[in-house]
Amino acid sequence: MDENEIETARAQLSGIFTLIAEMQAVDTSGIEPMSHAQDLSQRLRSDVVTEANQREAFQAIAPQIEGGLYLVPQVIE
């Protein structure tokens, strides 16, 4: 890094450290932890099967199967 890049990086890091110091100075002792800044709930769909079981059809065209599992060449020793 040349001198100009060093000074730019130093200024950026200094700004980051200043922001961290400001955030650490905030008293959060009475605040409960939360997973999101807003109290939102996600709409979830029903957990139901939507497709027919095609395992037999897929395994019929597989090069090698054993015990209902696909056999593949070993790639990690």
PDB file of N, CA and C in Angstrom:
ATOM      1  N   MET A   1       0.844  -1.177   0.000  1.00  0.00           N
ATOM      2  CA  MET A   1       0.000   0.000   0.000  1.00  0.00           C
ATOM      3  C   MET A   1       0.886   1.235   0.000  1.00  0.00           C
ATOM      4  N   ASP A   2       0.500   2.227  -0.795  1.00  0.00           N
ATOM      5  CA  ASP A   2       1.260   3.470  -0.777  1.00  0.00           C
ATOM      6  C   ASP A   2       0.726   4.370   0.344  1.00  0.00           C
ATOM      7  N   GLU A   3       1.347   5.486   0.556  1.00  0.00           N
ATOM      8  CA  GLU A   3       0.997   6.378   1.672  1.00  0.00           C
ATOM      9  C   GLU A   3      -0.459   6.865   1.594  1.00  0.00           C
ATOM     10  N   ASN A   4      -0.926   7.149   0.392  1.00  0.00           N
ATOM     11  CA  ASN A   4      -2.296   7.627   0.224  1.00  0.00           C
ATOM     12  C   ASN A   4      -3.299   6.545   0.633  1.00  0.00           C
ATOM     13  N   GLU A   5      -3.057   5.298   0.211  1.00  0.00           N
ATOM     14  CA  GLU A   5      -3.936   4.185   0.569  1.00  0.00           C
ATOM     15  C   GLU A   5      -3.910   3.916   2.071  1.00  0.00           C
ATOM     16  N   ILE A   6      -2.740   4.062   2.667  1.00  0.00           N
ATOM     17  CA  ILE A   6      -2.607   3.861   4.111  1.00  0.00           C
ATOM     18  C   ILE A   6      -3.443   4.878   4.868  1.00  0.00           C
ATOM     19  N   GLU A   7      -3.388   6.129   4.468  1.00  0.00           N
ATOM     20  CA  GLU A   7      -4.151   7.174   5.140  1.00  0.00           C
ATOM     21  C   GLU A   7      -5.656   6.969   4.959  1.00  0.00           C
ATOM     22  N   THR A   8      -6.059   6.564   3.765  1.00  0.00           N
ATOM     23  CA  THR A   8      -7.476   6.287   3.515  1.00  0.00           C
ATOM     24  C   THR A   8      -7.955   5.141   4.397  1.00  0.00           C
ATOM     25  N   ALA A   9      -7.174   4.062   4.456  1.00  0.00           N
ATOM     26  CA  ALA A   9      -7.541   2.911   5.289  1.00  0.00           C
ATOM     27  C   ALA A   9      -7.561   3.297   6.761  1.00  0.00           C
ATOM     28  N   ARG A  10      -6.607   4.091   7.194  1.00  0.00           N
ATOM     29  CA  ARG A  10      -6.540   4.535   8.591  1.00  0.00           C
ATOM     30  C   ARG A  10      -7.783   5.359   8.956  1.00  0.00           C
ATOM     31  N   ALA A  11      -8.212   6.244   8.060  1.00  0.00           N
ATOM     32  CA  ALA A  11      -9.391   7.063   8.312  1.00  0.00           C
ATOM     33  C   ALA A  11     -10.655   6.195   8.375  1.00  0.00           C
ATOM     34  N   GLN A  12     -10.760   5.213   7.484  1.00  0.00           N
ATOM     35  CA  GLN A  12     -11.920   4.322   7.487  1.00  0.00           C
ATOM     36  C   GLN A  12     -11.953   3.478   8.765  1.00  0.00           C
ATOM     37  N   LEU A  13     -10.824   2.928   9.163  1.00  0.00           N
ATOM     38  CA  LEU A  13     -10.761   2.126  10.388  1.00  0.00           C
ATOM     39  C   LEU A  13     -11.057   2.977  11.615  1.00  0.00           C
ATOM     40  N   SER A  14     -10.553   4.182  11.618  1.00  0.00           N
ATOM     41  CA  SER A  14     -10.818   5.077  12.741  1.00  0.00           C
ATOM     42  C   SER A  14     -12.312   5.350  12.862  1.00  0.00           C
ATOM     43  N   GLY A  15     -12.983   5.546  11.738  1.00  0.00           N
ATOM     44  CA  GLY A  15     -14.426   5.761  11.742  1.00  0.00           C
ATOM     45  C   GLY A  15     -15.181   4.543  12.260  1.00  0.00           C
ATOM     46  N   ILE A  16     -14.729   3.361  11.868  1.00  0.00           N
ATOM     47  CA  ILE A  16     -15.360   2.124  12.336  1.00  0.00           C
ATOM     48  C   ILE A  16     -15.195   1.981  13.835  1.00  0.00           C
ATOM     49  N   PHE A  17     -13.978   2.207  14.335  1.00  0.00           N
ATOM     50  CA  PHE A  17     -13.720   2.078  15.770  1.00  0.00           C
ATOM     51  C   PHE A  17     -14.494   3.122  16.579  1.00  0.00           C
ATOM     52  N   THR A  18     -14.654   4.317  16.025  1.00  0.00           N
ATOM     53  CA  THR A  18     -15.450   5.343  16.697  1.00  0.00           C
ATOM     54  C   THR A  18     -16.907   4.912  16.803  1.00  0.00           C
ATOM     55  N   LEU A  19     -17.441   4.356  15.729  1.00  0.00           N
ATOM     56  CA  LEU A  19     -18.817   3.868  15.740  1.00  0.00           C
ATOM     57  C   LEU A  19     -18.983   2.733  16.757  1.00  0.00           C
ATOM     58  N   ILE A  20     -18.036   1.823  16.812  1.00  0.00           N
ATOM     59  CA  ILE A  20     -18.091   0.732  17.786  1.00  0.00           C
ATOM     60  C   ILE A  20     -18.084   1.281  19.200  1.00  0.00           C
ATOM     61  N   ALA A  21     -17.239   2.245  19.465  1.00  0.00           N
ATOM     62  CA  ALA A  21     -17.177   2.847  20.802  1.00  0.00           C
ATOM     63  C   ALA A  21     -18.498   3.514  21.164  1.00  0.00           C
ATOM     64  N   GLU A  22     -19.119   4.201  20.214  1.00  0.00           N
ATOM     65  CA  GLU A  22     -20.420   4.829  20.464  1.00  0.00           C
ATOM     66  C   GLU A  22     -21.486   3.786  20.767  1.00  0.00           C
ATOM     67  N   MET A  23     -21.477   2.694  20.034  1.00  0.00           N
ATOM     68  CA  MET A  23     -22.469   1.647  20.247  1.00  0.00           C
ATOM     69  C   MET A  23     -22.265   0.955  21.598  1.00  0.00           C
ATOM     70  N   GLN A  24     -21.022   0.767  22.001  1.00  0.00           N
ATOM     71  CA  GLN A  24     -20.752   0.125  23.278  1.00  0.00           C
ATOM     72  C   GLN A  24     -21.089   1.046  24.452  1.00  0.00           C
ATOM     73  N   ALA A  25     -21.133   2.337  24.234  1.00  0.00           N
ATOM     74  CA  ALA A  25     -21.435   3.289  25.303  1.00  0.00           C
ATOM     75  C   ALA A  25     -22.927   3.349  25.628  1.00  0.00           C
ATOM     76  N   VAL A  26     -23.775   2.825  24.754  1.00  0.00           N
ATOM     77  CA  VAL A  26     -25.215   2.852  24.969  1.00  0.00           C
ATOM     78  C   VAL A  26     -25.588   1.856  26.061  1.00  0.00           C
ATOM     79  N   ASP A  27     -26.416   2.294  27.032  1.00  0.00           N
ATOM     80  CA  ASP A  27     -26.863   1.428  28.115  1.00  0.00           C
ATOM     81  C   ASP A  27     -28.008   0.548  27.615  1.00  0.00           C
ATOM     82  N   THR A  28     -27.754  -0.747  27.502  1.00  0.00           N
ATOM     83  CA  THR A  28     -28.770  -1.691  27.031  1.00  0.00           C
ATOM     84  C   THR A  28     -29.171  -2.678  28.122  1.00  0.00           C
ATOM     85  N   SER A  29     -28.930  -2.330  29.366  1.00  0.00           N
ATOM     86  CA  SER A  29     -29.173  -3.280  30.461  1.00  0.00           C
ATOM     87  C   SER A  29     -30.649  -3.631  30.621  1.00  0.00           C
ATOM     88  N   GLY A  30     -31.567  -2.763  30.273  1.00  0.00           N
ATOM     89  CA  GLY A  30     -32.984  -3.043  30.443  1.00  0.00           C
ATOM     90  C   GLY A  30     -33.679  -3.516  29.181  1.00  0.00           C
ATOM     91  N   ILE A  31     -32.928  -3.829  28.155  1.00  0.00           N
ATOM     92  CA  ILE A  31     -33.510  -4.203  26.871  1.00  0.00           C
ATOM     93  C   ILE A  31     -33.340  -5.702  26.653  1.00  0.00           C
ATOM     94  N   GLU A  32     -34.448  -6.384  26.334  1.00  0.00           N
ATOM     95  CA  GLU A  32     -34.388  -7.818  26.080  1.00  0.00           C
ATOM     96  C   GLU A  32     -33.827  -8.074  24.684  1.00  0.00           C
ATOM     97  N   PRO A  33     -33.034  -9.134  24.544  1.00  0.00           N
ATOM     98  CA  PRO A  33     -32.529  -9.486  23.208  1.00  0.00           C
ATOM     99  C   PRO A  33     -33.677  -9.825  22.263  1.00  0.00           C
ATOM    100  N   MET A  34     -33.498  -9.499  20.999  1.00  0.00           N
ATOM    101  CA  MET A  34     -34.523  -9.814  20.008  1.00  0.00           C
ATOM    102  C   MET A  34     -33.852 -10.264  18.719  1.00  0.00           C
ATOM    103  N   SER A  35     -34.596 -11.017  17.933  1.00  0.00           N
ATOM    104  CA  SER A  35     -34.040 -11.534  16.691  1.00  0.00           C
ATOM    105  C   SER A  35     -34.223 -10.580  15.520  1.00  0.00           C
ATOM    106  N   HIS A  36     -35.122  -9.596  15.677  1.00  0.00           N
ATOM    107  CA  HIS A  36     -35.398  -8.663  14.590  1.00  0.00           C
ATOM    108  C   HIS A  36     -35.795  -7.320  15.194  1.00  0.00           C
ATOM    109  N   ALA A  37     -35.508  -6.270  14.492  1.00  0.00           N
ATOM    110  CA  ALA A  37     -35.806  -4.932  15.003  1.00  0.00           C
ATOM    111  C   ALA A  37     -37.303  -4.651  15.058  1.00  0.00           C
ATOM    112  N   GLN A  38     -38.076  -5.351  14.259  1.00  0.00           N
ATOM    113  CA  GLN A  38     -39.526  -5.168  14.260  1.00  0.00           C
ATOM    114  C   GLN A  38     -40.186  -6.466  14.708  1.00  0.00           C
ATOM    115  N   ASP A  39     -41.318  -6.361  15.377  1.00  0.00           N
ATOM    116  CA  ASP A  39     -42.047  -7.530  15.846  1.00  0.00           C
ATOM    117  C   ASP A  39     -42.868  -8.094  14.693  1.00  0.00           C
ATOM    118  N   LEU A  40     -42.264  -8.959  13.910  1.00  0.00           N
ATOM    119  CA  LEU A  40     -42.909  -9.531  12.737  1.00  0.00           C
ATOM    120  C   LEU A  40     -43.031 -11.042  12.885  1.00  0.00           C
ATOM    121  N   SER A  41     -44.025 -11.603  12.255  1.00  0.00           N
ATOM    122  CA  SER A  41     -44.115 -13.052  12.180  1.00  0.00           C
ATOM    123  C   SER A  41     -44.276 -13.417  10.715  1.00  0.00           C
ATOM    124  N   GLN A  42     -43.665 -14.513  10.355  1.00  0.00           N
ATOM    125  CA  GLN A  42     -43.678 -14.935   8.965  1.00  0.00           C
ATOM    126  C   GLN A  42     -44.851 -15.880   8.724  1.00  0.00           C
ATOM    127  N   ARG A  43     -45.545 -15.657   7.642  1.00  0.00           N
ATOM    128  CA  ARG A  43     -46.618 -16.566   7.272  1.00  0.00           C
ATOM    129  C   ARG A  43     -45.996 -17.881   6.822  1.00  0.00           C
ATOM    130  N   LEU A  44     -46.456 -18.970   7.396  1.00  0.00           N
ATOM    131  CA  LEU A  44     -45.932 -20.278   7.035  1.00  0.00           C
ATOM    132  C   LEU A  44     -47.014 -21.088   6.343  1.00  0.00           C
ATOM    133  N   ARG A  45     -46.625 -21.847   5.374  1.00  0.00           N
ATOM    134  CA  ARG A  45     -47.578 -22.714   4.699  1.00  0.00           C
ATOM    135  C   ARG A  45     -47.724 -24.005   5.491  1.00  0.00           C
ATOM    136  N   SER A  46     -48.793 -24.705   5.253  1.00  0.00           N
ATOM    137  CA  SER A  46     -49.016 -25.989   5.911  1.00  0.00           C
ATOM    138  C   SER A  46     -47.966 -26.978   5.439  1.00  0.00           C
ATOM    139  N   ASP A  47     -47.511 -27.822   6.339  1.00  0.00           N
ATOM    140  CA  ASP A  47     -46.491 -28.811   6.016  1.00  0.00           C
ATOM    141  C   ASP A  47     -47.186 -30.077   5.513  1.00  0.00           C
ATOM    142  N   VAL A  48     -47.517 -30.063   4.239  1.00  0.00           N
ATOM    143  CA  VAL A  48     -48.212 -31.199   3.635  1.00  0.00           C
ATOM    144  C   VAL A  48     -47.467 -31.624   2.373  1.00  0.00           C
ATOM    145  N   VAL A  49     -47.596 -32.891   2.031  1.00  0.00           N
ATOM    146  CA  VAL A  49     -46.985 -33.421   0.818  1.00  0.00           C
ATOM    147  C   VAL A  49     -47.765 -32.893  -0.373  1.00  0.00           C
ATOM    148  N   THR A  50     -47.057 -32.306  -1.342  1.00  0.00           N
ATOM    149  CA  THR A  50     -47.723 -31.745  -2.519  1.00  0.00           C
ATOM    150  C   THR A  50     -47.362 -32.484  -3.805  1.00  0.00           C
ATOM    151  N   GLU A  51     -46.421 -33.423  -3.737  1.00  0.00           N
ATOM    152  CA  GLU A  51     -46.020 -34.164  -4.926  1.00  0.00           C
ATOM    153  C   GLU A  51     -46.101 -35.661  -4.646  1.00  0.00           C
ATOM    154  N   ALA A  52     -46.336 -36.422  -5.687  1.00  0.00           N
ATOM    155  CA  ALA A  52     -46.398 -37.874  -5.548  1.00  0.00           C
ATOM    156  C   ALA A  52     -44.990 -38.436  -5.343  1.00  0.00           C
ATOM    157  N   ASN A  53     -44.900 -39.539  -4.657  1.00  0.00           N
ATOM    158  CA  ASN A  53     -43.627 -40.218  -4.439  1.00  0.00           C
ATOM    159  C   ASN A  53     -43.187 -40.873  -5.743  1.00  0.00           C
ATOM    160  N   GLN A  54     -42.068 -40.434  -6.307  1.00  0.00           N
ATOM    161  CA  GLN A  54     -41.553 -40.962  -7.568  1.00  0.00           C
ATOM    162  C   GLN A  54     -40.219 -41.664  -7.373  1.00  0.00           C
ATOM    163  N   ARG A  55     -39.944 -42.097  -6.161  1.00  0.00           N
ATOM    164  CA  ARG A  55     -38.656 -42.724  -5.846  1.00  0.00           C
ATOM    165  C   ARG A  55     -38.374 -43.921  -6.743  1.00  0.00           C
ATOM    166  N   GLU A  56     -39.347 -44.800  -6.914  1.00  0.00           N
ATOM    167  CA  GLU A  56     -39.141 -45.996  -7.734  1.00  0.00           C
ATOM    168  C   GLU A  56     -38.807 -45.620  -9.183  1.00  0.00           C
ATOM    169  N   ALA A  57     -39.482 -44.615  -9.725  1.00  0.00           N
ATOM    170  CA  ALA A  57     -39.235 -44.200 -11.110  1.00  0.00           C
ATOM    171  C   ALA A  57     -37.837 -43.606 -11.252  1.00  0.00           C
ATOM    172  N   PHE A  58     -37.419 -42.802 -10.269  1.00  0.00           N
ATOM    173  CA  PHE A  58     -36.084 -42.199 -10.342  1.00  0.00           C
ATOM    174  C   PHE A  58     -34.994 -43.246 -10.162  1.00  0.00           C
ATOM    175  N   GLN A  59     -35.216 -44.197  -9.263  1.00  0.00           N
ATOM    176  CA  GLN A  59     -34.183 -45.198  -9.026  1.00  0.00           C
ATOM    177  C   GLN A  59     -34.136 -46.236 -10.142  1.00  0.00           C
ATOM    178  N   ALA A  60     -35.208 -46.372 -10.898  1.00  0.00           N
ATOM    179  CA  ALA A  60     -35.216 -47.307 -12.018  1.00  0.00           C
ATOM    180  C   ALA A  60     -34.241 -46.879 -13.107  1.00  0.00           C
ATOM    181  N   ILE A  61     -33.986 -45.593 -13.236  1.00  0.00           N
ATOM    182  CA  ILE A  61     -33.079 -45.109 -14.276  1.00  0.00           C
ATOM    183  C   ILE A  61     -31.685 -44.781 -13.734  1.00  0.00           C
ATOM    184  N   ALA A  62     -31.467 -44.986 -12.439  1.00  0.00           N
ATOM    185  CA  ALA A  62     -30.160 -44.705 -11.839  1.00  0.00           C
ATOM    186  C   ALA A  62     -29.169 -45.795 -12.231  1.00  0.00           C
ATOM    187  N   PRO A  63     -27.900 -45.432 -12.455  1.00  0.00           N
ATOM    188  CA  PRO A  63     -26.907 -46.432 -12.828  1.00  0.00           C
ATOM    189  C   PRO A  63     -26.709 -47.515 -11.756  1.00  0.00           C
ATOM    190  N   GLN A  64     -26.657 -47.110 -10.490  1.00  0.00           N
ATOM    191  CA  GLN A  64     -26.454 -48.073  -9.415  1.00  0.00           C
ATOM    192  C   GLN A  64     -27.208 -47.633  -8.171  1.00  0.00           C
ATOM    193  N   ILE A  65     -27.932 -48.571  -7.577  1.00  0.00           N
ATOM    194  CA  ILE A  65     -28.578 -48.325  -6.293  1.00  0.00           C
ATOM    195  C   ILE A  65     -28.375 -49.550  -5.416  1.00  0.00           C
ATOM    196  N   GLU A  66     -28.421 -49.319  -4.130  1.00  0.00           N
ATOM    197  CA  GLU A  66     -28.319 -50.424  -3.179  1.00  0.00           C
ATOM    198  C   GLU A  66     -29.086 -50.045  -1.921  1.00  0.00           C
ATOM    199  N   GLY A  67     -30.024 -50.869  -1.546  1.00  0.00           N
ATOM    200  CA  GLY A  67     -30.803 -50.609  -0.340  1.00  0.00           C
ATOM    201  C   GLY A  67     -31.576 -49.302  -0.398  1.00  0.00           C
ATOM    202  N   GLY A  68     -32.009 -48.909  -1.603  1.00  0.00           N
ATOM    203  CA  GLY A  68     -32.761 -47.677  -1.750  1.00  0.00           C
ATOM    204  C   GLY A  68     -31.901 -46.426  -1.820  1.00  0.00           C
ATOM    205  N   LEU A  69     -30.569 -46.593  -1.856  1.00  0.00           N
ATOM    206  CA  LEU A  69     -29.650 -45.452  -1.920  1.00  0.00           C
ATOM    207  C   LEU A  69     -28.927 -45.435  -3.256  1.00  0.00           C
ATOM    208  N   TYR A  70     -28.603 -44.248  -3.722  1.00  0.00           N
ATOM    209  CA  TYR A  70     -27.845 -44.099  -4.960  1.00  0.00           C
ATOM    210  C   TYR A  70     -26.368 -44.334  -4.667  1.00  0.00           C
ATOM    211  N   LEU A  71     -25.716 -45.163  -5.476  1.00  0.00           N
ATOM    212  CA  LEU A  71     -24.289 -45.401  -5.331  1.00  0.00           C
ATOM    213  C   LEU A  71     -23.548 -44.488  -6.306  1.00  0.00           C
ATOM    214  N   VAL A  72     -22.537 -43.791  -5.798  1.00  0.00           N
ATOM    215  CA  VAL A  72     -21.747 -42.872  -6.620  1.00  0.00           C
ATOM    216  C   VAL A  72     -20.273 -43.185  -6.425  1.00  0.00           C
ATOM    217  N   PRO A  73     -19.417 -42.793  -7.368  1.00  0.00           N
ATOM    218  CA  PRO A  73     -17.988 -43.053  -7.216  1.00  0.00           C
ATOM    219  C   PRO A  73     -17.433 -42.278  -6.008  1.00  0.00           C
ATOM    220  N   GLN A  74     -16.475 -42.877  -5.338  1.00  0.00           N
ATOM    221  CA  GLN A  74     -15.836 -42.213  -4.209  1.00  0.00           C
ATOM    222  C   GLN A  74     -14.990 -41.054  -4.723  1.00  0.00           C
ATOM    223  N   VAL A  75     -15.157 -39.870  -4.119  1.00  0.00           N
ATOM    224  CA  VAL A  75     -14.396 -38.707  -4.559  1.00  0.00           C
ATOM    225  C   VAL A  75     -13.451 -38.192  -3.489  1.00  0.00           C
ATOM    226  N   ILE A  76     -13.615 -38.632  -2.242  1.00  0.00           N
ATOM    227  CA  ILE A  76     -12.736 -38.227  -1.156  1.00  0.00           C
ATOM    228  C   ILE A  76     -12.130 -39.464  -0.540  1.00  0.00           C
ATOM    229  N   GLU A  77     -10.829 -39.457  -0.379  1.00  0.00           N
ATOM    230  CA  GLU A  77     -10.161 -40.615   0.232  1.00  0.00           C
ATOM    231  C   GLU A  77     -10.065 -40.468   1.719  1.00  0.00           C
TER     232      GLU A  77
END
